[in-house]
Protein backbone atom coordinates (compact mmCIF):
# COMPACT_ATOMS: atom_id res chain seq x y z
CA MET A 1 10.87 6.76 -13.08
CA ALA A 2 7.92 4.51 -12.46
CA ALA A 3 5.45 5.19 -9.67
CA HIS A 4 3.21 2.59 -10.22
CA ALA A 5 1.61 0.69 -7.22
CA GLU A 6 2.09 -2.78 -8.62
CA LEU A 7 5.92 -2.61 -9.27
CA LEU A 8 7.51 -5.83 -9.43
CA LYS A 9 10.79 -7.16 -8.02
CA THR A 10 13.08 -8.08 -11.14
CA THR A 11 12.67 -11.97 -10.12
CA GLU A 12 8.96 -11.41 -10.47
CA ALA A 13 9.58 -9.32 -13.55
CA ALA A 14 11.44 -12.20 -15.16
CA VAL A 15 8.61 -14.70 -14.52
CA ALA A 16 6.06 -12.29 -15.93
CA ALA A 17 8.36 -11.60 -19.24
CA GLY A 18 9.13 -15.26 -19.57
CA VAL A 19 12.89 -14.69 -19.60
CA GLY A 20 15.68 -15.22 -17.15
CA LEU A 21 16.88 -12.65 -14.29
CA ARG A 22 20.05 -11.88 -16.08
CA GLU A 23 17.87 -10.70 -19.25
CA VAL A 24 15.99 -8.24 -16.88
CA ASN A 25 19.03 -6.78 -15.44
CA ARG A 26 20.59 -6.47 -18.98
CA VAL A 27 17.66 -4.32 -20.57
CA ILE A 28 17.88 -2.16 -17.18
CA ASP A 29 21.71 -2.07 -17.28
CA GLU A 30 21.83 -1.16 -21.18
CA GLY A 31 19.04 1.44 -21.13
CA ILE A 32 16.56 -0.59 -23.29
CA LEU A 33 13.91 -0.47 -20.90
CA PRO A 34 12.78 3.28 -20.46
CA GLU A 35 13.37 4.80 -17.14
CA GLU A 36 9.54 5.45 -16.79
CA PHE A 37 9.12 1.59 -16.24
CA LEU A 38 11.77 1.54 -13.52
CA ARG A 39 12.14 2.32 -9.93
CA VAL A 40 15.66 2.01 -8.65
CA ASP A 41 16.37 2.59 -5.13
CA GLU A 42 17.90 -0.09 -2.74
CA ALA A 43 16.66 -2.51 -5.33
CA ARG A 44 15.22 -2.64 -8.81
CA TYR A 45 11.47 -2.47 -9.72
CA VAL A 46 9.52 -3.02 -12.83
CA ALA A 47 6.37 -1.64 -13.88
CA PRO A 48 3.86 -4.36 -15.23
CA ALA A 49 4.08 -2.68 -18.72
CA GLY A 50 7.89 -3.04 -18.40
CA CYS A 51 7.38 -6.74 -18.38
CA LEU A 52 5.50 -6.58 -21.60
CA LEU A 53 8.25 -4.55 -23.28
CA ILE A 54 11.25 -6.96 -21.82
CA ALA A 55 9.12 -9.81 -23.40
CA PHE A 56 8.69 -8.09 -26.79
CA TYR A 57 12.70 -7.44 -26.87
CA PHE A 58 13.69 -10.87 -26.44
CA GLU A 59 10.83 -12.79 -28.31
CA SER A 60 11.32 -10.67 -31.64
CA ALA A 61 14.91 -10.96 -31.62
CA ASP A 62 14.64 -13.40 -34.61
CA GLN A 63 12.48 -11.14 -36.65
CA LEU A 64 14.01 -7.62 -35.64
CA THR A 65 17.29 -6.04 -35.22
CA ALA A 66 18.30 -4.73 -31.93
CA LYS A 67 17.98 -0.93 -33.25
CA GLU A 68 14.41 -1.99 -34.65
CA ARG A 69 13.66 -3.56 -31.32
CA ARG A 70 14.64 -0.40 -29.27
CA PHE A 71 12.90 1.87 -31.72
CA VAL A 72 9.45 -0.07 -31.23
CA ILE A 73 9.94 0.27 -27.42
CA ARG A 74 10.28 3.93 -27.53
CA MET A 75 7.36 4.50 -29.66
CA ALA A 76 5.09 2.02 -27.58
CA GLY A 77 6.33 3.13 -24.14
CA PRO A 78 3.96 6.16 -23.90
CA ARG A 79 0.99 4.44 -25.26
CA LEU A 80 1.51 1.16 -23.06
CA ARG A 81 2.76 3.07 -19.89
CA ASN A 82 -0.33 2.31 -17.95
CA TRP A 83 -0.96 -1.14 -18.82
CA THR A 84 -1.57 -3.89 -16.37
CA SER A 85 -3.37 -7.21 -16.46
CA LYS A 86 -6.26 -5.35 -14.74
CA THR A 87 -6.48 -2.46 -17.44
CA LYS A 88 -6.17 -4.40 -20.51
CA SER A 89 -10.07 -3.83 -21.37
CA ASP A 90 -9.22 -0.05 -21.51
CA PHE A 91 -7.07 -0.57 -24.54
CA SER A 92 -8.72 -0.79 -28.03
CA PRO A 93 -7.17 -2.80 -31.08
CA GLU A 94 -5.38 0.24 -32.45
CA ASP A 95 -3.58 0.76 -29.03
CA TRP A 96 -1.79 -2.52 -29.41
CA THR A 97 -0.55 -1.74 -32.94
CA ILE A 98 2.66 0.08 -33.69
CA LYS A 99 3.19 1.23 -37.16
CA HIS A 100 6.21 3.18 -38.86
CA LYS A 101 6.79 2.96 -42.53
CA LEU A 102 7.15 -0.64 -43.34
CA LEU A 103 7.36 -1.95 -39.87
CA THR A 104 4.21 -3.18 -37.92
CA VAL A 105 4.12 -4.55 -34.78
CA ASP A 106 0.96 -5.94 -32.74
CA PHE A 107 1.44 -6.17 -29.10
CA ALA A 108 -2.02 -7.86 -28.48
CA LEU A 109 -1.17 -11.41 -28.26
CA LEU A 110 2.19 -10.81 -26.18
CA ALA A 111 -0.01 -8.58 -24.01
CA ARG A 112 -2.50 -11.61 -23.19
CA THR A 113 0.34 -13.88 -22.50
CA VAL A 114 2.20 -11.51 -20.22
CA GLY A 115 -1.07 -10.53 -18.61
CA ASP A 116 -1.92 -14.09 -17.74
CA ARG A 117 1.42 -14.66 -16.13
CA LEU A 118 1.02 -11.62 -14.08
CA ASP A 119 -2.41 -12.91 -13.07
CA LYS A 120 -0.88 -16.27 -11.90
CA LEU A 121 1.82 -14.26 -9.82
CA THR A 122 -0.93 -12.53 -8.17
CA ALA A 123 -2.74 -16.02 -7.38
CA ALA A 124 0.62 -17.34 -6.28
CA ASP A 125 1.07 -14.60 -3.80
CA LYS A 126 -2.48 -15.08 -2.42
CA LEU A 127 -1.49 -18.80 -1.90
CA VAL A 128 1.27 -17.86 0.42
CA SER A 129 1.55 -16.36 3.99
CA SER A 130 4.20 -15.56 6.47
CA SER A 131 4.02 -15.04 10.08
CA PRO A 132 6.59 -15.02 12.89
CA ASP A 133 4.17 -17.45 14.68
CA VAL A 134 4.40 -20.10 12.14
CA LEU A 135 7.87 -21.69 11.31
CA SER A 136 9.57 -18.36 12.39
CA GLY A 137 8.24 -16.56 9.52
CA THR A 138 9.16 -19.17 6.85
CA PRO A 139 6.80 -18.58 3.93
CA VAL A 140 3.97 -21.32 3.97
CA ILE A 141 1.18 -22.45 2.06
CA LYS A 142 -1.76 -20.58 3.67
CA GLY A 143 -3.88 -22.17 6.27
CA THR A 144 -1.07 -24.88 6.58
CA ARG A 145 2.50 -25.50 8.09
CA ILE A 146 3.72 -26.64 4.56
CA PRO A 147 6.80 -24.42 3.40
CA VAL A 148 5.97 -23.31 -0.02
CA HIS A 149 9.89 -23.52 -1.15
CA ASP A 150 9.77 -27.27 -0.02
CA VAL A 151 6.75 -27.93 -2.26
CA ALA A 152 8.50 -26.14 -5.19
CA ALA A 153 11.48 -28.24 -4.80
CA SER A 154 9.52 -31.24 -5.23
CA VAL A 155 7.73 -30.00 -8.31
CA GLU A 156 10.96 -28.69 -9.98
CA SER A 157 12.73 -32.03 -9.11
CA GLY A 158 10.39 -33.85 -11.54
CA LEU A 159 8.44 -35.82 -8.97
CA PRO A 160 5.06 -36.94 -10.30
CA LYS A 161 2.26 -34.89 -9.01
CA LYS A 162 0.67 -37.91 -7.62
CA ARG A 163 3.49 -38.65 -5.32
CA ILE A 164 3.83 -34.93 -4.11
CA LEU A 165 0.01 -34.82 -3.37
CA ALA A 166 -0.10 -37.98 -1.59
CA ALA A 167 2.79 -36.34 0.74
CA TYR A 168 0.84 -33.27 0.94
CA PRO A 169 -2.81 -34.37 0.96
CA SER A 170 -4.16 -30.84 1.66
CA LEU A 171 -3.07 -29.52 -1.58
CA ASP A 172 -4.17 -29.79 -5.29
CA SER A 173 -2.61 -29.68 -8.58
CA ASP A 174 -3.17 -26.02 -9.20
CA LYS A 175 -1.58 -25.05 -5.75
CA LEU A 176 1.60 -27.26 -6.74
CA ASP A 177 1.73 -25.10 -9.94
CA LEU A 178 1.31 -22.07 -7.94
CA ALA A 179 3.71 -23.04 -5.21
CA ALA A 180 6.50 -23.65 -8.13
CA LEU A 181 5.58 -20.16 -9.60
CA TYR A 182 5.88 -18.45 -6.26
CA ALA A 183 9.37 -19.96 -5.55
CA LYS A 184 10.61 -18.80 -8.85
CA ALA A 185 9.48 -15.35 -8.29
CA ASN A 186 10.61 -15.25 -4.95
CA PRO A 187 13.86 -17.46 -4.60
CA LEU A 188 15.25 -18.35 -1.15
CA ARG A 189 18.52 -16.06 -0.17
CA GLY A 190 21.55 -17.70 0.75
CA ARG A 191 22.51 -21.23 0.78
CA PRO A 192 19.89 -23.76 0.60
CA ARG A 193 18.91 -25.77 3.79
CA GLY A 194 20.81 -28.90 4.44
CA THR A 195 17.88 -30.93 5.48
CA VAL A 196 14.11 -30.64 4.76
CA THR A 197 11.53 -32.03 7.26
CA LEU A 198 9.07 -34.21 5.38
CA PRO A 199 5.54 -34.46 6.32
CA ALA A 200 4.23 -37.71 8.00
CA GLY A 201 3.99 -40.64 5.71
CA ALA A 202 6.12 -39.16 2.92
CA VAL A 203 8.70 -41.65 1.36
CA ILE A 204 12.28 -40.57 0.24
CA LEU A 205 12.49 -41.77 -3.28
CA ALA A 206 16.05 -41.09 -3.68
CA ASP A 207 19.10 -39.71 -1.82
CA ARG A 208 21.81 -38.79 -4.15
CA ARG A 209 24.55 -36.50 -3.04
CA THR A 210 26.97 -34.46 -4.92
CA PRO A 211 30.65 -34.59 -3.69
CA ARG A 212 31.84 -30.99 -2.59
CA ARG A 213 34.21 -29.38 -5.09
CA ARG A 214 37.51 -28.62 -3.87
CA LYS A 215 38.93 -25.12 -4.02
CA ALA A 216 42.18 -24.54 -5.97
CA ASP A 217 44.05 -24.06 -2.65
CA GLU A 218 42.65 -27.18 -1.27
CA VAL A 219 44.07 -29.76 -3.92
CA PRO A 220 46.68 -31.60 -1.97
CA ARG A 221 49.97 -31.23 -3.28
CA ARG A 222 52.19 -34.12 -4.47
């Protein structure tokens, strides 16, 4: 069982590995990810190196069989167990290469990609603060009263960055990207809020509503 100080929630691990949350839960449920990269108590947590192995498992699916991918993970696990984006300089070129008979796997490029995502997650965390004194503890962009999930929703909806920045003049393009990343790694629980308070000067570009689906027992009988 992992005891690393920088364990990630499964939602964060999904972002770092570049896969969906379902894929993260799958490698845990099916025992693909070794136990030393996990901590399971009231929730599931993944070590940074576990994100690297998860990314490998899915990105190599077109080149290797599931049996071969599991084999590589078992071989690479002990060697990469202590890897994080901060310890990458401790690894030599030989550390990244797994060889067995005719099979050779180089983790170096994938480690750089996953390491960059982990660094961005760290930057996103530093961008956000939460205090009972500010919007009742709603996560906001640090130094502002701007809810980070509101900013992320605007980014994810495809609105041009110029328009979003016009509504939030205290932000910049990098902060918009980090807000979207933070929200993806820390999704809101429960139902989304029915209304969002826009900042002064913001303009609603569209107001499209989707009719509520009727449940089967709500369909009127003829």
